[in-house]
Amino acid sequence: MNLKQFITLCEEILEVEPGTLTMATRLDNLEEWDSLTRMDLVSYCDDNLNTTLPVEIFRDTETFQDVIDKVKPYLHVMAYEK
């Protein structure tokens, strides 16, 4: 999975229009960013990035850039494996 695919996935999970998320998007401005959404995202990463992320990984995220920073190392690993 590359970064663009991950952003598309996040937009689907958050049920926002494609192209809505930018690195500067404040998560607290998204009604859909809640504990259930974070669990969905962790679950998806566990299933598709061959890693086990702790549920609290997204706890201190304020912007979408923070989310990307947390998962980006795993995205790169998958890019090299394929």
N, C-alpha and C. Protein backbone atom coordinates (compact mmCIF):
# COMPACT_ATOMS: atom_id res chain seq x y z
N MET A 1 0.85 -1.18 0.00
CA MET A 1 0.00 0.00 0.00
C MET A 1 0.89 1.23 0.00
N ASN A 2 0.57 2.15 -0.87
CA ASN A 2 1.34 3.39 -0.90
C ASN A 2 0.56 4.49 -0.17
N LEU A 3 1.16 5.64 -0.08
CA LEU A 3 0.57 6.75 0.67
C LEU A 3 -0.76 7.19 0.07
N LYS A 4 -0.82 7.29 -1.24
CA LYS A 4 -2.05 7.72 -1.89
C LYS A 4 -3.19 6.73 -1.61
N GLN A 5 -2.90 5.45 -1.66
CA GLN A 5 -3.91 4.43 -1.35
C GLN A 5 -4.37 4.54 0.10
N PHE A 6 -3.43 4.82 1.00
CA PHE A 6 -3.79 4.96 2.41
C PHE A 6 -4.69 6.16 2.63
N ILE A 7 -4.39 7.27 1.96
CA ILE A 7 -5.23 8.46 2.09
C ILE A 7 -6.64 8.16 1.58
N THR A 8 -6.73 7.48 0.45
CA THR A 8 -8.04 7.10 -0.10
C THR A 8 -8.79 6.21 0.89
N LEU A 9 -8.09 5.27 1.49
CA LEU A 9 -8.70 4.39 2.49
C LEU A 9 -9.24 5.20 3.66
N CYS A 10 -8.44 6.15 4.15
CA CYS A 10 -8.87 6.98 5.28
C CYS A 10 -10.11 7.78 4.93
N GLU A 11 -10.17 8.30 3.73
CA GLU A 11 -11.35 9.05 3.29
C GLU A 11 -12.57 8.14 3.26
N GLU A 12 -12.39 6.90 2.85
CA GLU A 12 -13.50 5.94 2.84
C GLU A 12 -13.95 5.62 4.26
N ILE A 13 -13.00 5.35 5.15
CA ILE A 13 -13.34 5.02 6.54
C ILE A 13 -14.03 6.20 7.21
N LEU A 14 -13.55 7.41 6.93
CA LEU A 14 -14.14 8.61 7.53
C LEU A 14 -15.41 9.07 6.82
N GLU A 15 -15.69 8.42 5.68
CA GLU A 15 -16.88 8.76 4.90
C GLU A 15 -16.90 10.23 4.51
N VAL A 16 -15.75 10.71 4.01
CA VAL A 16 -15.64 12.08 3.51
C VAL A 16 -15.39 12.02 2.01
N GLU A 17 -15.65 13.11 1.35
CA GLU A 17 -15.46 13.19 -0.10
C GLU A 17 -13.99 12.99 -0.47
N PRO A 18 -13.74 12.30 -1.58
CA PRO A 18 -12.36 12.15 -2.05
C PRO A 18 -11.70 13.53 -2.21
N GLY A 19 -10.47 13.62 -1.78
CA GLY A 19 -9.74 14.87 -1.87
C GLY A 19 -9.95 15.79 -0.68
N THR A 20 -10.77 15.36 0.27
CA THR A 20 -11.07 16.18 1.45
C THR A 20 -9.89 16.26 2.40
N LEU A 21 -9.22 15.13 2.62
CA LEU A 21 -8.14 15.10 3.60
C LEU A 21 -6.87 15.71 3.03
N THR A 22 -6.31 16.64 3.79
CA THR A 22 -4.99 17.18 3.49
C THR A 22 -4.14 16.94 4.72
N MET A 23 -2.87 17.14 4.60
CA MET A 23 -1.99 16.93 5.74
C MET A 23 -2.32 17.89 6.88
N ALA A 24 -2.91 19.02 6.56
CA ALA A 24 -3.23 20.03 7.58
C ALA A 24 -4.63 19.84 8.18
N THR A 25 -5.40 18.87 7.68
CA THR A 25 -6.75 18.66 8.21
C THR A 25 -6.69 18.38 9.70
N ARG A 26 -7.44 19.16 10.45
CA ARG A 26 -7.53 18.94 11.89
C ARG A 26 -8.57 17.87 12.16
N LEU A 27 -8.15 16.82 12.83
CA LEU A 27 -9.04 15.68 13.07
C LEU A 27 -10.22 16.04 13.96
N ASP A 28 -10.02 16.97 14.89
CA ASP A 28 -11.13 17.35 15.77
C ASP A 28 -12.21 18.12 15.01
N ASN A 29 -11.93 18.52 13.77
CA ASN A 29 -12.95 19.16 12.93
C ASN A 29 -13.76 18.15 12.14
N LEU A 30 -13.36 16.88 12.21
CA LEU A 30 -14.07 15.82 11.50
C LEU A 30 -15.00 15.10 12.47
N GLU A 31 -16.27 15.22 12.24
CA GLU A 31 -17.26 14.56 13.10
C GLU A 31 -17.03 13.06 13.15
N GLU A 32 -16.53 12.50 12.06
CA GLU A 32 -16.35 11.06 11.94
C GLU A 32 -15.12 10.53 12.67
N TRP A 33 -14.21 11.40 13.10
CA TRP A 33 -13.00 10.95 13.79
C TRP A 33 -13.33 10.68 15.24
N ASP A 34 -13.61 9.43 15.52
CA ASP A 34 -13.97 9.02 16.88
C ASP A 34 -13.26 7.71 17.21
N SER A 35 -13.52 7.18 18.37
CA SER A 35 -12.81 5.97 18.80
C SER A 35 -13.12 4.78 17.90
N LEU A 36 -14.33 4.69 17.40
CA LEU A 36 -14.68 3.58 16.51
C LEU A 36 -13.91 3.68 15.19
N THR A 37 -13.79 4.87 14.67
CA THR A 37 -13.02 5.08 13.43
C THR A 37 -11.56 4.73 13.64
N ARG A 38 -11.01 5.13 14.76
CA ARG A 38 -9.61 4.79 15.06
C ARG A 38 -9.44 3.28 15.15
N MET A 39 -10.40 2.59 15.76
CA MET A 39 -10.34 1.13 15.84
C MET A 39 -10.41 0.52 14.45
N ASP A 40 -11.28 1.05 13.59
CA ASP A 40 -11.39 0.56 12.21
C ASP A 40 -10.06 0.71 11.49
N LEU A 41 -9.42 1.84 11.68
CA LEU A 41 -8.16 2.11 11.01
C LEU A 41 -7.05 1.18 11.53
N VAL A 42 -7.00 0.97 12.81
CA VAL A 42 -6.02 0.06 13.40
C VAL A 42 -6.26 -1.36 12.88
N SER A 43 -7.52 -1.76 12.84
CA SER A 43 -7.86 -3.09 12.35
C SER A 43 -7.44 -3.27 10.90
N TYR A 44 -7.71 -2.26 10.08
CA TYR A 44 -7.32 -2.35 8.68
C TYR A 44 -5.80 -2.45 8.55
N CYS A 45 -5.07 -1.65 9.29
CA CYS A 45 -3.61 -1.70 9.24
C CYS A 45 -3.10 -3.06 9.69
N ASP A 46 -3.70 -3.60 10.74
CA ASP A 46 -3.31 -4.92 11.22
C ASP A 46 -3.49 -5.97 10.12
N ASP A 47 -4.62 -5.89 9.42
CA ASP A 47 -4.94 -6.89 8.39
C ASP A 47 -4.14 -6.72 7.11
N ASN A 48 -3.84 -5.49 6.74
CA ASN A 48 -3.27 -5.24 5.42
C ASN A 48 -1.82 -4.77 5.41
N LEU A 49 -1.28 -4.38 6.54
CA LEU A 49 0.10 -3.95 6.59
C LEU A 49 0.98 -4.95 7.33
N ASN A 50 0.40 -6.11 7.64
CA ASN A 50 1.14 -7.19 8.31
C ASN A 50 1.84 -6.70 9.57
N THR A 51 1.11 -5.95 10.35
CA THR A 51 1.67 -5.44 11.60
C THR A 51 0.56 -5.37 12.64
N THR A 52 0.93 -5.30 13.88
CA THR A 52 -0.03 -5.12 14.95
C THR A 52 0.22 -3.75 15.57
N LEU A 53 -0.72 -2.86 15.35
CA LEU A 53 -0.61 -1.51 15.91
C LEU A 53 -1.38 -1.44 17.22
N PRO A 54 -0.83 -0.77 18.20
CA PRO A 54 -1.58 -0.60 19.44
C PRO A 54 -2.77 0.33 19.20
N VAL A 55 -3.87 0.07 19.84
CA VAL A 55 -5.09 0.86 19.65
C VAL A 55 -4.84 2.33 19.94
N GLU A 56 -3.98 2.61 20.89
CA GLU A 56 -3.74 4.00 21.28
C GLU A 56 -2.78 4.73 20.34
N ILE A 57 -2.37 4.12 19.26
CA ILE A 57 -1.42 4.75 18.34
C ILE A 57 -1.92 6.09 17.83
N PHE A 58 -3.22 6.22 17.65
CA PHE A 58 -3.78 7.46 17.11
C PHE A 58 -4.32 8.39 18.19
N ARG A 59 -4.07 8.08 19.45
CA ARG A 59 -4.62 8.86 20.56
C ARG A 59 -4.19 10.33 20.53
N ASP A 60 -2.94 10.60 20.30
CA ASP A 60 -2.43 11.97 20.37
C ASP A 60 -2.31 12.63 19.00
N THR A 61 -3.12 12.21 18.06
CA THR A 61 -3.07 12.81 16.73
C THR A 61 -4.00 14.01 16.69
N GLU A 62 -3.47 15.10 16.14
CA GLU A 62 -4.27 16.31 16.01
C GLU A 62 -4.59 16.63 14.56
N THR A 63 -3.66 16.28 13.68
CA THR A 63 -3.86 16.55 12.25
C THR A 63 -3.73 15.23 11.49
N PHE A 64 -4.16 15.27 10.24
CA PHE A 64 -4.01 14.08 9.42
C PHE A 64 -2.53 13.76 9.20
N GLN A 65 -1.69 14.78 9.20
CA GLN A 65 -0.24 14.56 9.08
C GLN A 65 0.25 13.69 10.23
N ASP A 66 -0.29 13.87 11.43
CA ASP A 66 0.08 13.04 12.57
C ASP A 66 -0.25 11.57 12.31
N VAL A 67 -1.41 11.32 11.70
CA VAL A 67 -1.81 9.95 11.37
C VAL A 67 -0.81 9.37 10.37
N ILE A 68 -0.51 10.13 9.34
CA ILE A 68 0.44 9.67 8.32
C ILE A 68 1.80 9.37 8.95
N ASP A 69 2.26 10.25 9.82
CA ASP A 69 3.55 10.05 10.46
C ASP A 69 3.59 8.73 11.24
N LYS A 70 2.47 8.36 11.84
CA LYS A 70 2.42 7.14 12.64
C LYS A 70 2.44 5.88 11.78
N VAL A 71 1.81 5.92 10.61
CA VAL A 71 1.71 4.71 9.78
C VAL A 71 2.70 4.68 8.62
N LYS A 72 3.32 5.80 8.32
CA LYS A 72 4.20 5.87 7.16
C LYS A 72 5.32 4.81 7.18
N PRO A 73 5.95 4.54 8.30
CA PRO A 73 6.98 3.48 8.28
C PRO A 73 6.43 2.14 7.82
N TYR A 74 5.20 1.84 8.16
CA TYR A 74 4.60 0.58 7.75
C TYR A 74 4.23 0.59 6.28
N LEU A 75 3.86 1.74 5.76
CA LEU A 75 3.53 1.85 4.34
C LEU A 75 4.79 1.59 3.51
N HIS A 76 5.91 2.13 3.93
CA HIS A 76 7.16 1.92 3.21
C HIS A 76 7.57 0.45 3.22
N VAL A 77 7.38 -0.20 4.35
CA VAL A 77 7.74 -1.61 4.44
C VAL A 77 6.95 -2.41 3.42
N MET A 78 5.65 -2.14 3.33
CA MET A 78 4.82 -2.86 2.36
C MET A 78 5.25 -2.55 0.94
N ALA A 79 5.64 -1.33 0.67
CA ALA A 79 6.05 -0.95 -0.69
C ALA A 79 7.28 -1.75 -1.11
N TYR A 80 8.19 -2.01 -0.19
CA TYR A 80 9.40 -2.76 -0.53
C TYR A 80 9.14 -4.25 -0.62
N GLU A 81 8.14 -4.74 0.08
CA GLU A 81 7.85 -6.17 0.07
C GLU A 81 7.22 -6.62 -1.23
N LYS A 82 6.53 -5.72 -1.92
CA LYS A 82 5.81 -6.11 -3.13
C LYS A 82 6.65 -5.99 -4.36
